[in-house]
Amino acid sequence: MVASDLSEKTIGGAKGKPQLIITVPSLDTPVCETETKKFNEIVAGLDIDVTVVSMDLPFAEKEVL
């Protein structure tokens, strides 16, 4: 997948720590934006690789997060 900085990010597979992959249709909706922010708050102190996947252009993530 493509990250917000246009770099490629591989998701899935073994990385030595748990992965949480959150899928949302669009970060530009109130529900998806709230869900994404809430998950980030919950896992902030944990050693988990969190990836939010949406159908948005890569730049949309910068506006929300």
C-alpha atoms as a PDB file:
ATOM      1  CA  MET A   1       0.000   0.000   0.000  1.00  0.00           C
ATOM      2  CA  VAL A   2       1.020   3.657  -0.273  1.00  0.00           C
ATOM      3  CA  ALA A   3       1.668   5.697   2.887  1.00  0.00           C
ATOM      4  CA  SER A   4       0.819   9.385   3.310  1.00  0.00           C
ATOM      5  CA  ASP A   5       4.393  10.318   2.310  1.00  0.00           C
ATOM      6  CA  LEU A   6       4.007   8.215  -0.892  1.00  0.00           C
ATOM      7  CA  SER A   7       6.407   5.543   0.361  1.00  0.00           C
ATOM      8  CA  GLU A   8       5.387   1.915   0.040  1.00  0.00           C
ATOM      9  CA  LYS A   9       4.339   0.058   3.188  1.00  0.00           C
ATOM     10  CA  THR A  10       3.989  -3.705   3.390  1.00  0.00           C
ATOM     11  CA  ILE A  11       1.254  -4.911   5.709  1.00  0.00           C
ATOM     12  CA  GLY A  12       0.698  -8.395   7.055  1.00  0.00           C
ATOM     13  CA  GLY A  13       3.270 -11.056   7.712  1.00  0.00           C
ATOM     14  CA  ALA A  14       5.659 -11.430  10.620  1.00  0.00           C
ATOM     15  CA  LYS A  15       7.337  -8.251  11.880  1.00  0.00           C
ATOM     16  CA  GLY A  16       8.146  -9.293  15.414  1.00  0.00           C
ATOM     17  CA  LYS A  17       5.217  -7.456  16.981  1.00  0.00           C
ATOM     18  CA  PRO A  18       1.425  -7.523  16.698  1.00  0.00           C
ATOM     19  CA  GLN A  19      -0.184  -5.691  13.820  1.00  0.00           C
ATOM     20  CA  LEU A  20      -3.547  -3.972  13.858  1.00  0.00           C
ATOM     21  CA  ILE A  21      -4.943  -3.259  10.413  1.00  0.00           C
ATOM     22  CA  ILE A  22      -7.941  -0.923  10.498  1.00  0.00           C
ATOM     23  CA  THR A  23      -9.992  -0.556   7.327  1.00  0.00           C
ATOM     24  CA  VAL A  24     -12.310   2.364   6.689  1.00  0.00           C
ATOM     25  CA  PRO A  25     -14.060   3.476   3.492  1.00  0.00           C
ATOM     26  CA  SER A  26     -12.894   7.110   3.786  1.00  0.00           C
ATOM     27  CA  LEU A  27     -11.140   9.213   6.401  1.00  0.00           C
ATOM     28  CA  ASP A  28     -13.218  12.130   5.144  1.00  0.00           C
ATOM     29  CA  THR A  29     -16.354  10.969   6.988  1.00  0.00           C
ATOM     30  CA  PRO A  30     -17.127  11.742  10.644  1.00  0.00           C
ATOM     31  CA  VAL A  31     -17.522   8.082  11.646  1.00  0.00           C
ATOM     32  CA  CYS A  32     -14.318   6.867   9.999  1.00  0.00           C
ATOM     33  CA  GLU A  33     -12.334   9.852  11.282  1.00  0.00           C
ATOM     34  CA  THR A  34     -13.563   9.259  14.852  1.00  0.00           C
ATOM     35  CA  GLU A  35     -12.877   5.508  14.612  1.00  0.00           C
ATOM     36  CA  THR A  36      -9.323   6.108  13.395  1.00  0.00           C
ATOM     37  CA  LYS A  37      -8.532   8.661  16.093  1.00  0.00           C
ATOM     38  CA  LYS A  38     -10.029   6.445  18.827  1.00  0.00           C
ATOM     39  CA  PHE A  39      -7.991   3.385  17.765  1.00  0.00           C
ATOM     40  CA  ASN A  40      -4.835   5.536  17.741  1.00  0.00           C
ATOM     41  CA  GLU A  41      -5.586   6.769  21.274  1.00  0.00           C
ATOM     42  CA  ILE A  42      -6.217   3.228  22.570  1.00  0.00           C
ATOM     43  CA  VAL A  43      -3.012   1.715  21.179  1.00  0.00           C
ATOM     44  CA  ALA A  44      -0.755   4.747  21.742  1.00  0.00           C
ATOM     45  CA  GLY A  45       1.106   3.152  24.666  1.00  0.00           C
ATOM     46  CA  LEU A  46       1.286  -0.340  23.210  1.00  0.00           C
ATOM     47  CA  ASP A  47       4.006  -1.877  21.034  1.00  0.00           C
ATOM     48  CA  ILE A  48       1.683  -2.508  18.089  1.00  0.00           C
ATOM     49  CA  ASP A  49       2.165  -1.676  14.414  1.00  0.00           C
ATOM     50  CA  VAL A  50      -1.085   0.110  13.486  1.00  0.00           C
ATOM     51  CA  THR A  51      -2.047   0.658   9.863  1.00  0.00           C
ATOM     52  CA  VAL A  52      -5.216   2.402   8.712  1.00  0.00           C
ATOM     53  CA  VAL A  53      -6.259   1.446   5.195  1.00  0.00           C
ATOM     54  CA  SER A  54      -8.757   3.569   3.289  1.00  0.00           C
ATOM     55  CA  MET A  55      -9.719   4.266  -0.295  1.00  0.00           C
ATOM     56  CA  ASP A  56      -8.578   7.897   0.085  1.00  0.00           C
ATOM     57  CA  LEU A  57      -5.631   9.461  -1.662  1.00  0.00           C
ATOM     58  CA  PRO A  58      -2.463   9.234   0.471  1.00  0.00           C
ATOM     59  CA  PHE A  59      -2.630  12.932   1.364  1.00  0.00           C
ATOM     60  CA  ALA A  60      -5.997  12.634   3.148  1.00  0.00           C
ATOM     61  CA  GLU A  61      -4.397  10.944   6.168  1.00  0.00           C
ATOM     62  CA  LYS A  62      -2.319  14.039   6.962  1.00  0.00           C
ATOM     63  CA  GLU A  63      -5.485  16.129   7.296  1.00  0.00           C
ATOM     64  CA  VAL A  64      -7.096  13.717   9.772  1.00  0.00           C
ATOM     65  CA  LEU A  65      -4.266  12.398  11.927  1.00  0.00           C
END
